[in-house]
């Protein structure tokens, strides 16, 4: 678990959100922060990747 920021807050989703909503939120946010995106931000992209890795599937979400 990432001791830093809450994964749900980073991805701007409710903790009870369905996995499809989490995935869509990650993709939408990543589109902006990705090096090829609208507003490249490597630090924010890394934060999104960490948060998404923590809650992207039922097993990791339960561990989180």
PDB file of N, CA and C in Angstrom:
ATOM      1  N   UNK A   1       0.834  -1.186   0.000  1.00  0.00           N
ATOM      2  CA  UNK A   1       0.000   0.000   0.000  1.00  0.00           C
ATOM      3  C   UNK A   1       0.868   1.235   0.000  1.00  0.00           C
ATOM      4  N   UNK A   2       0.473   2.218  -0.751  1.00  0.00           N
ATOM      5  CA  UNK A   2       1.155   3.499  -0.799  1.00  0.00           C
ATOM      6  C   UNK A   2       0.816   4.274   0.462  1.00  0.00           C
ATOM      7  N   UNK A   3       1.832   4.641   1.241  1.00  0.00           N
ATOM      8  CA  UNK A   3       1.608   5.343   2.491  1.00  0.00           C
ATOM      9  C   UNK A   3       1.204   6.790   2.234  1.00  0.00           C
ATOM     10  N   UNK A   4       1.441   7.273   1.036  1.00  0.00           N
ATOM     11  CA  UNK A   4       1.147   8.658   0.670  1.00  0.00           C
ATOM     12  C   UNK A   4      -0.335   8.923   0.511  1.00  0.00           C
ATOM     13  N   UNK A   5      -0.718   9.410  -0.635  1.00  0.00           N
ATOM     14  CA  UNK A   5      -2.085   9.839  -0.896  1.00  0.00           C
ATOM     15  C   UNK A   5      -3.045   8.671  -1.085  1.00  0.00           C
ATOM     16  N   UNK A   6      -4.296   8.928  -0.765  1.00  0.00           N
ATOM     17  CA  UNK A   6      -5.349   7.944  -0.932  1.00  0.00           C
ATOM     18  C   UNK A   6      -5.573   7.688  -2.419  1.00  0.00           C
ATOM     19  N   UNK A   7      -5.539   6.433  -2.822  1.00  0.00           N
ATOM     20  CA  UNK A   7      -5.669   6.063  -4.233  1.00  0.00           C
ATOM     21  C   UNK A   7      -6.991   6.540  -4.826  1.00  0.00           C
ATOM     22  N   UNK A   8      -8.054   6.473  -4.051  1.00  0.00           N
ATOM     23  CA  UNK A   8      -9.359   6.891  -4.561  1.00  0.00           C
ATOM     24  C   UNK A   8      -9.396   8.403  -4.800  1.00  0.00           C
ATOM     25  N   UNK A   9      -8.759   9.156  -3.923  1.00  0.00           N
ATOM     26  CA  UNK A   9      -8.715  10.611  -4.103  1.00  0.00           C
ATOM     27  C   UNK A   9      -7.847  10.982  -5.295  1.00  0.00           C
ATOM     28  N   UNK A  10      -6.728  10.278  -5.448  1.00  0.00           N
ATOM     29  CA  UNK A  10      -5.837  10.553  -6.582  1.00  0.00           C
ATOM     30  C   UNK A  10      -6.582  10.346  -7.894  1.00  0.00           C
ATOM     31  N   UNK A  11      -7.376   9.287  -7.957  1.00  0.00           N
ATOM     32  CA  UNK A  11      -8.119   8.970  -9.180  1.00  0.00           C
ATOM     33  C   UNK A  11      -9.483   9.663  -9.237  1.00  0.00           C
ATOM     34  N   UNK A  12      -9.813  10.394  -8.177  1.00  0.00           N
ATOM     35  CA  UNK A  12     -11.047  11.167  -8.119  1.00  0.00           C
ATOM     36  C   UNK A  12     -12.286  10.296  -8.287  1.00  0.00           C
ATOM     37  N   UNK A  13     -12.299   9.157  -7.580  1.00  0.00           N
ATOM     38  CA  UNK A  13     -13.446   8.256  -7.612  1.00  0.00           C
ATOM     39  C   UNK A  13     -13.878   7.923  -6.195  1.00  0.00           C
ATOM     40  N   UNK A  14     -15.117   7.523  -6.066  1.00  0.00           N
ATOM     41  CA  UNK A  14     -15.664   7.098  -4.788  1.00  0.00           C
ATOM     42  C   UNK A  14     -15.076   5.728  -4.430  1.00  0.00           C
ATOM     43  N   UNK A  15     -14.801   5.474  -3.159  1.00  0.00           N
ATOM     44  CA  UNK A  15     -14.280   4.155  -2.770  1.00  0.00           C
ATOM     45  C   UNK A  15     -15.202   2.987  -3.118  1.00  0.00           C
ATOM     46  N   UNK A  16     -16.472   3.271  -3.326  1.00  0.00           N
ATOM     47  CA  UNK A  16     -17.421   2.204  -3.697  1.00  0.00           C
ATOM     48  C   UNK A  16     -17.603   2.079  -5.202  1.00  0.00           C
ATOM     49  N   UNK A  17     -16.822   2.820  -5.978  1.00  0.00           N
ATOM     50  CA  UNK A  17     -16.961   2.824  -7.436  1.00  0.00           C
ATOM     51  C   UNK A  17     -16.692   1.441  -8.033  1.00  0.00           C
ATOM     52  N   UNK A  18     -17.398   1.152  -9.107  1.00  0.00           N
ATOM     53  CA  UNK A  18     -17.169  -0.086  -9.849  1.00  0.00           C
ATOM     54  C   UNK A  18     -15.801  -0.025 -10.519  1.00  0.00           C
ATOM     55  N   UNK A  19     -15.236  -1.177 -10.820  1.00  0.00           N
ATOM     56  CA  UNK A  19     -13.919  -1.228 -11.456  1.00  0.00           C
ATOM     57  C   UNK A  19     -13.913  -0.518 -12.807  1.00  0.00           C
ATOM     58  N   UNK A  20     -15.005  -0.595 -13.534  1.00  0.00           N
ATOM     59  CA  UNK A  20     -15.058   0.067 -14.838  1.00  0.00           C
ATOM     60  C   UNK A  20     -14.961   1.588 -14.686  1.00  0.00           C
ATOM     61  N   UNK A  21     -15.519   2.119 -13.610  1.00  0.00           N
ATOM     62  CA  UNK A  21     -15.448   3.557 -13.341  1.00  0.00           C
ATOM     63  C   UNK A  21     -14.020   3.946 -12.966  1.00  0.00           C
ATOM     64  N   UNK A  22     -13.371   3.124 -12.171  1.00  0.00           N
ATOM     65  CA  UNK A  22     -11.978   3.369 -11.777  1.00  0.00           C
ATOM     66  C   UNK A  22     -11.084   3.368 -13.007  1.00  0.00           C
ATOM     67  N   UNK A  23     -11.299   2.399 -13.876  1.00  0.00           N
ATOM     68  CA  UNK A  23     -10.499   2.304 -15.100  1.00  0.00           C
ATOM     69  C   UNK A  23     -10.724   3.537 -15.989  1.00  0.00           C
ATOM     70  N   UNK A  24     -11.974   3.942 -16.133  1.00  0.00           N
ATOM     71  CA  UNK A  24     -12.284   5.107 -16.969  1.00  0.00           C
ATOM     72  C   UNK A  24     -11.676   6.381 -16.386  1.00  0.00           C
ATOM     73  N   UNK A  25     -11.715   6.520 -15.079  1.00  0.00           N
ATOM     74  CA  UNK A  25     -11.133   7.701 -14.433  1.00  0.00           C
ATOM     75  C   UNK A  25      -9.624   7.731 -14.648  1.00  0.00           C
ATOM     76  N   UNK A  26      -8.988   6.580 -14.484  1.00  0.00           N
ATOM     77  CA  UNK A  26      -7.543   6.509 -14.704  1.00  0.00           C
ATOM     78  C   UNK A  26      -7.193   6.908 -16.137  1.00  0.00           C
ATOM     79  N   UNK A  27      -7.908   6.366 -17.097  1.00  0.00           N
ATOM     80  CA  UNK A  27      -7.611   6.654 -18.507  1.00  0.00           C
ATOM     81  C   UNK A  27      -7.829   8.129 -18.831  1.00  0.00           C
ATOM     82  N   UNK A  28      -8.887   8.705 -18.310  1.00  0.00           N
ATOM     83  CA  UNK A  28      -9.170  10.115 -18.584  1.00  0.00           C
ATOM     84  C   UNK A  28      -8.091  11.016 -17.987  1.00  0.00           C
ATOM     85  N   UNK A  29      -7.703  10.737 -16.745  1.00  0.00           N
ATOM     86  CA  UNK A  29      -6.667  11.547 -16.104  1.00  0.00           C
ATOM     87  C   UNK A  29      -5.309  11.329 -16.762  1.00  0.00           C
ATOM     88  N   UNK A  30      -5.034  10.089 -17.129  1.00  0.00           N
ATOM     89  CA  UNK A  30      -3.741   9.772 -17.754  1.00  0.00           C
ATOM     90  C   UNK A  30      -3.601  10.444 -19.116  1.00  0.00           C
ATOM     91  N   UNK A  31      -4.711  10.601 -19.824  1.00  0.00           N
ATOM     92  CA  UNK A  31      -4.667  11.268 -21.125  1.00  0.00           C
ATOM     93  C   UNK A  31      -4.069  12.665 -21.027  1.00  0.00           C
ATOM     94  N   UNK A  32      -4.313  13.330 -19.929  1.00  0.00           N
ATOM     95  CA  UNK A  32      -3.796  14.686 -19.737  1.00  0.00           C
ATOM     96  C   UNK A  32      -2.354  14.696 -19.252  1.00  0.00           C
ATOM     97  N   UNK A  33      -2.001  13.774 -18.370  1.00  0.00           N
ATOM     98  CA  UNK A  33      -0.694  13.803 -17.712  1.00  0.00           C
ATOM     99  C   UNK A  33       0.391  13.018 -18.439  1.00  0.00           C
ATOM    100  N   UNK A  34      -0.003  12.144 -19.318  1.00  0.00           N
ATOM    101  CA  UNK A  34       0.958  11.308 -20.036  1.00  0.00           C
ATOM    102  C   UNK A  34       1.936  12.196 -20.807  1.00  0.00           C
ATOM    103  N   UNK A  35       3.171  11.755 -20.972  1.00  0.00           N
ATOM    104  CA  UNK A  35       4.158  12.553 -21.728  1.00  0.00           C
ATOM    105  C   UNK A  35       3.680  12.974 -23.116  1.00  0.00           C
ATOM    106  N   UNK A  36       2.795  12.206 -23.723  1.00  0.00           N
ATOM    107  CA  UNK A  36       2.247  12.562 -25.027  1.00  0.00           C
ATOM    108  C   UNK A  36       0.889  13.249 -24.906  1.00  0.00           C
ATOM    109  N   UNK A  37       0.476  13.551 -23.674  1.00  0.00           N
ATOM    110  CA  UNK A  37      -0.848  14.097 -23.439  1.00  0.00           C
ATOM    111  C   UNK A  37      -0.940  15.604 -23.582  1.00  0.00           C
ATOM    112  N   UNK A  38      -2.074  16.125 -23.176  1.00  0.00           N
ATOM    113  CA  UNK A  38      -2.397  17.538 -23.277  1.00  0.00           C
ATOM    114  C   UNK A  38      -1.466  18.387 -22.414  1.00  0.00           C
ATOM    115  N   UNK A  39      -1.264  17.962 -21.177  1.00  0.00           N
ATOM    116  CA  UNK A  39      -0.415  18.704 -20.229  1.00  0.00           C
ATOM    117  C   UNK A  39       0.545  17.726 -19.562  1.00  0.00           C
ATOM    118  N   UNK A  40       1.626  17.366 -20.227  1.00  0.00           N
ATOM    119  CA  UNK A  40       2.554  16.370 -19.690  1.00  0.00           C
ATOM    120  C   UNK A  40       3.013  16.709 -18.270  1.00  0.00           C
ATOM    121  N   UNK A  41       2.907  15.724 -17.389  1.00  0.00           N
ATOM    122  CA  UNK A  41       3.314  15.895 -15.997  1.00  0.00           C
ATOM    123  C   UNK A  41       3.786  14.536 -15.482  1.00  0.00           C
ATOM    124  N   UNK A  42       5.080  14.245 -15.607  1.00  0.00           N
ATOM    125  CA  UNK A  42       5.599  12.936 -15.210  1.00  0.00           C
ATOM    126  C   UNK A  42       5.328  12.580 -13.747  1.00  0.00           C
ATOM    127  N   UNK A  43       5.407  13.547 -12.850  1.00  0.00           N
ATOM    128  CA  UNK A  43       5.169  13.266 -11.431  1.00  0.00           C
ATOM    129  C   UNK A  43       3.712  12.864 -11.202  1.00  0.00           C
ATOM    130  N   UNK A  44       2.794  13.585 -11.809  1.00  0.00           N
ATOM    131  CA  UNK A  44       1.366  13.267 -11.667  1.00  0.00           C
ATOM    132  C   UNK A  44       1.047  11.929 -12.327  1.00  0.00           C
ATOM    133  N   UNK A  45       1.664  11.649 -13.467  1.00  0.00           N
ATOM    134  CA  UNK A  45       1.446  10.365 -14.137  1.00  0.00           C
ATOM    135  C   UNK A  45       1.919   9.221 -13.261  1.00  0.00           C
ATOM    136  N   UNK A  46       3.059   9.380 -12.601  1.00  0.00           N
ATOM    137  CA  UNK A  46       3.570   8.350 -11.696  1.00  0.00           C
ATOM    138  C   UNK A  46       2.611   8.153 -10.527  1.00  0.00           C
ATOM    139  N   UNK A  47       2.058   9.236 -10.017  1.00  0.00           N
ATOM    140  CA  UNK A  47       1.093   9.165  -8.922  1.00  0.00           C
ATOM    141  C   UNK A  47      -0.169   8.418  -9.370  1.00  0.00           C
ATOM    142  N   UNK A  48      -0.645   8.718 -10.563  1.00  0.00           N
ATOM    143  CA  UNK A  48      -1.810   8.013 -11.102  1.00  0.00           C
ATOM    144  C   UNK A  48      -1.525   6.529 -11.266  1.00  0.00           C
ATOM    145  N   UNK A  49      -0.342   6.202 -11.789  1.00  0.00           N
ATOM    146  CA  UNK A  49       0.029   4.793 -11.981  1.00  0.00           C
ATOM    147  C   UNK A  49       0.063   4.045 -10.656  1.00  0.00           C
ATOM    148  N   UNK A  50       0.644   4.661  -9.630  1.00  0.00           N
ATOM    149  CA  UNK A  50       0.701   4.020  -8.307  1.00  0.00           C
ATOM    150  C   UNK A  50      -0.707   3.795  -7.762  1.00  0.00           C
ATOM    151  N   UNK A  51      -1.540   4.819  -7.832  1.00  0.00           N
ATOM    152  CA  UNK A  51      -2.903   4.710  -7.308  1.00  0.00           C
ATOM    153  C   UNK A  51      -3.688   3.638  -8.060  1.00  0.00           C
ATOM    154  N   UNK A  52      -3.587   3.637  -9.366  1.00  0.00           N
ATOM    155  CA  UNK A  52      -4.326   2.664 -10.172  1.00  0.00           C
ATOM    156  C   UNK A  52      -3.849   1.239  -9.879  1.00  0.00           C
ATOM    157  N   UNK A  53      -2.567   1.059  -9.710  1.00  0.00           N
ATOM    158  CA  UNK A  53      -2.029  -0.272  -9.402  1.00  0.00           C
ATOM    159  C   UNK A  53      -2.577  -0.795  -8.081  1.00  0.00           C
ATOM    160  N   UNK A  54      -2.861   0.093  -7.161  1.00  0.00           N
ATOM    161  CA  UNK A  54      -3.350  -0.323  -5.846  1.00  0.00           C
ATOM    162  C   UNK A  54      -4.806  -0.769  -5.862  1.00  0.00           C
ATOM    163  N   UNK A  55      -5.607  -0.269  -6.804  1.00  0.00           N
ATOM    164  CA  UNK A  55      -7.051  -0.575  -6.758  1.00  0.00           C
ATOM    165  C   UNK A  55      -7.618  -1.028  -8.098  1.00  0.00           C
ATOM    166  N   UNK A  56      -6.778  -1.480  -9.016  1.00  0.00           N
ATOM    167  CA  UNK A  56      -7.261  -1.791 -10.367  1.00  0.00           C
ATOM    168  C   UNK A  56      -7.966  -3.120 -10.510  1.00  0.00           C
ATOM    169  N   UNK A  57      -7.839  -4.016  -9.549  1.00  0.00           N
ATOM    170  CA  UNK A  57      -8.548  -5.287  -9.627  1.00  0.00           C
ATOM    171  C   UNK A  57      -9.020  -5.683  -8.228  1.00  0.00           C
ATOM    172  N   UNK A  58      -9.955  -6.626  -8.132  1.00  0.00           N
ATOM    173  CA  UNK A  58     -10.528  -6.970  -6.822  1.00  0.00           C
ATOM    174  C   UNK A  58      -9.497  -7.410  -5.780  1.00  0.00           C
ATOM    175  N   UNK A  59      -8.492  -8.163  -6.196  1.00  0.00           N
ATOM    176  CA  UNK A  59      -7.490  -8.658  -5.242  1.00  0.00           C
ATOM    177  C   UNK A  59      -6.652  -7.519  -4.670  1.00  0.00           C
ATOM    178  N   UNK A  60      -6.124  -6.668  -5.526  1.00  0.00           N
ATOM    179  CA  UNK A  60      -5.307  -5.571  -5.040  1.00  0.00           C
ATOM    180  C   UNK A  60      -6.154  -4.551  -4.279  1.00  0.00           C
ATOM    181  N   UNK A  61      -7.375  -4.400  -4.687  1.00  0.00           N
ATOM    182  CA  UNK A  61      -8.280  -3.481  -4.000  1.00  0.00           C
ATOM    183  C   UNK A  61      -8.560  -3.956  -2.578  1.00  0.00           C
ATOM    184  N   UNK A  62      -8.727  -5.261  -2.408  1.00  0.00           N
ATOM    185  CA  UNK A  62      -8.974  -5.813  -1.074  1.00  0.00           C
ATOM    186  C   UNK A  62      -7.735  -5.646  -0.191  1.00  0.00           C
ATOM    187  N   UNK A  63      -6.552  -5.859  -0.754  1.00  0.00           N
ATOM    188  CA  UNK A  63      -5.314  -5.657   0.008  1.00  0.00           C
ATOM    189  C   UNK A  63      -5.147  -4.206   0.426  1.00  0.00           C
ATOM    190  N   UNK A  64      -5.567  -3.311  -0.445  1.00  0.00           N
ATOM    191  CA  UNK A  64      -5.451  -1.879  -0.180  1.00  0.00           C
ATOM    192  C   UNK A  64      -6.321  -1.506   1.011  1.00  0.00           C
TER     193      UNK A  64
END
